[in-house]
Amino acid sequence: AEFTRAMGNIEGDGEDTRAWRSVLADFRRDSAAPGRALVTLRLVLTGQREGPGLPSVLTLLGVDGCRQRLEKARRYAGG
């Protein structure tokens, strides 16, 4: 929910890594455990604990792709 809220600040359809960096900064600032939150976000979006930078991943997925994967993970987790 926190990341989805932070995504509300992105302009356009998420084609700019700079915009995603801003979203991630907001997400980190609002998270109780920023490091854990970013690892969890990466795991949900990519299925991997490590990989390319999140701004690049988010740019490739776009806003709709991110929302779809987050919603799928939420349904899977039962929340």
Protein backbone atom coordinates (compact mmCIF):
# COMPACT_ATOMS: atom_id res chain seq x y z
CA ALA A 1 0.00 0.00 0.00
CA GLU A 2 2.84 2.40 0.79
CA PHE A 3 4.50 1.89 -2.59
CA THR A 4 1.19 2.18 -4.43
CA ARG A 5 0.61 5.46 -2.61
CA ALA A 6 4.08 6.68 -3.57
CA MET A 7 3.39 5.67 -7.19
CA GLY A 8 0.54 8.18 -7.19
CA ASN A 9 3.18 10.90 -7.47
CA ILE A 10 4.64 9.64 -10.75
CA GLU A 11 3.93 11.58 -13.89
CA GLY A 12 2.92 9.89 -17.12
CA ASP A 13 3.23 6.13 -17.46
CA GLY A 14 6.58 5.74 -15.73
CA GLU A 15 8.96 5.95 -18.68
CA ASP A 16 11.54 8.02 -16.80
CA THR A 17 13.98 6.47 -14.32
CA ARG A 18 14.35 9.86 -12.59
CA ALA A 19 10.63 9.84 -11.78
CA TRP A 20 10.95 6.34 -10.33
CA ARG A 21 13.93 7.41 -8.21
CA SER A 22 11.69 10.08 -6.70
CA VAL A 23 8.94 7.49 -6.04
CA LEU A 24 11.47 5.17 -4.38
CA ALA A 25 12.81 8.04 -2.25
CA ASP A 26 9.26 8.78 -1.04
CA PHE A 27 8.70 5.08 -0.37
CA ARG A 28 11.93 4.77 1.61
CA ARG A 29 11.17 7.90 3.62
CA ASP A 30 7.70 6.61 4.58
CA SER A 31 8.84 3.03 5.39
CA ALA A 32 9.62 1.90 8.92
CA ALA A 33 12.38 -0.39 7.57
CA PRO A 34 13.48 1.10 4.22
CA GLY A 35 16.08 -1.56 3.35
CA ARG A 36 13.69 -4.41 4.02
CA ALA A 37 10.92 -2.61 2.13
CA LEU A 38 13.07 -2.25 -0.98
CA VAL A 39 14.18 -5.91 -0.87
CA THR A 40 10.55 -6.99 -0.51
CA LEU A 41 9.50 -4.70 -3.36
CA ARG A 42 12.21 -6.13 -5.62
CA LEU A 43 11.17 -9.67 -4.70
CA VAL A 44 7.52 -8.96 -5.49
CA LEU A 45 8.29 -7.25 -8.80
CA THR A 46 11.05 -9.53 -10.10
CA GLY A 47 11.02 -12.74 -8.06
CA GLN A 48 14.68 -12.10 -7.19
CA ARG A 49 16.43 -10.65 -4.15
CA GLU A 50 19.15 -9.05 -6.27
CA GLY A 51 19.34 -7.69 -9.75
CA PRO A 52 19.39 -4.49 -11.76
CA GLY A 53 18.55 -1.20 -10.09
CA LEU A 54 14.93 -0.78 -9.11
CA PRO A 55 14.47 2.44 -11.14
CA SER A 56 15.40 0.49 -14.29
CA VAL A 57 13.09 -2.41 -13.39
CA LEU A 58 10.23 -0.02 -12.63
CA THR A 59 10.79 1.84 -15.89
CA LEU A 60 10.64 -1.40 -17.86
CA LEU A 61 7.46 -2.54 -16.10
CA GLY A 62 5.77 0.85 -16.22
CA VAL A 63 3.04 2.00 -13.87
CA ASP A 64 0.47 -0.53 -15.06
CA GLY A 65 2.90 -3.45 -14.90
CA CYS A 66 3.95 -2.50 -11.37
CA ARG A 67 0.34 -2.19 -10.22
CA GLN A 68 -0.53 -5.57 -11.73
CA ARG A 69 2.37 -7.34 -10.02
CA LEU A 70 1.68 -5.65 -6.70
CA GLU A 71 -2.00 -6.59 -6.89
CA LYS A 72 -1.15 -10.18 -7.77
CA ALA A 73 1.21 -10.39 -4.79
CA ARG A 74 -1.44 -8.88 -2.51
CA ARG A 75 -4.01 -11.44 -3.63
CA TYR A 76 -1.49 -14.26 -3.24
CA ALA A 77 -0.64 -13.14 0.30
CA GLY A 78 -4.34 -13.01 1.14
CA GLY A 79 -4.43 -9.31 1.87
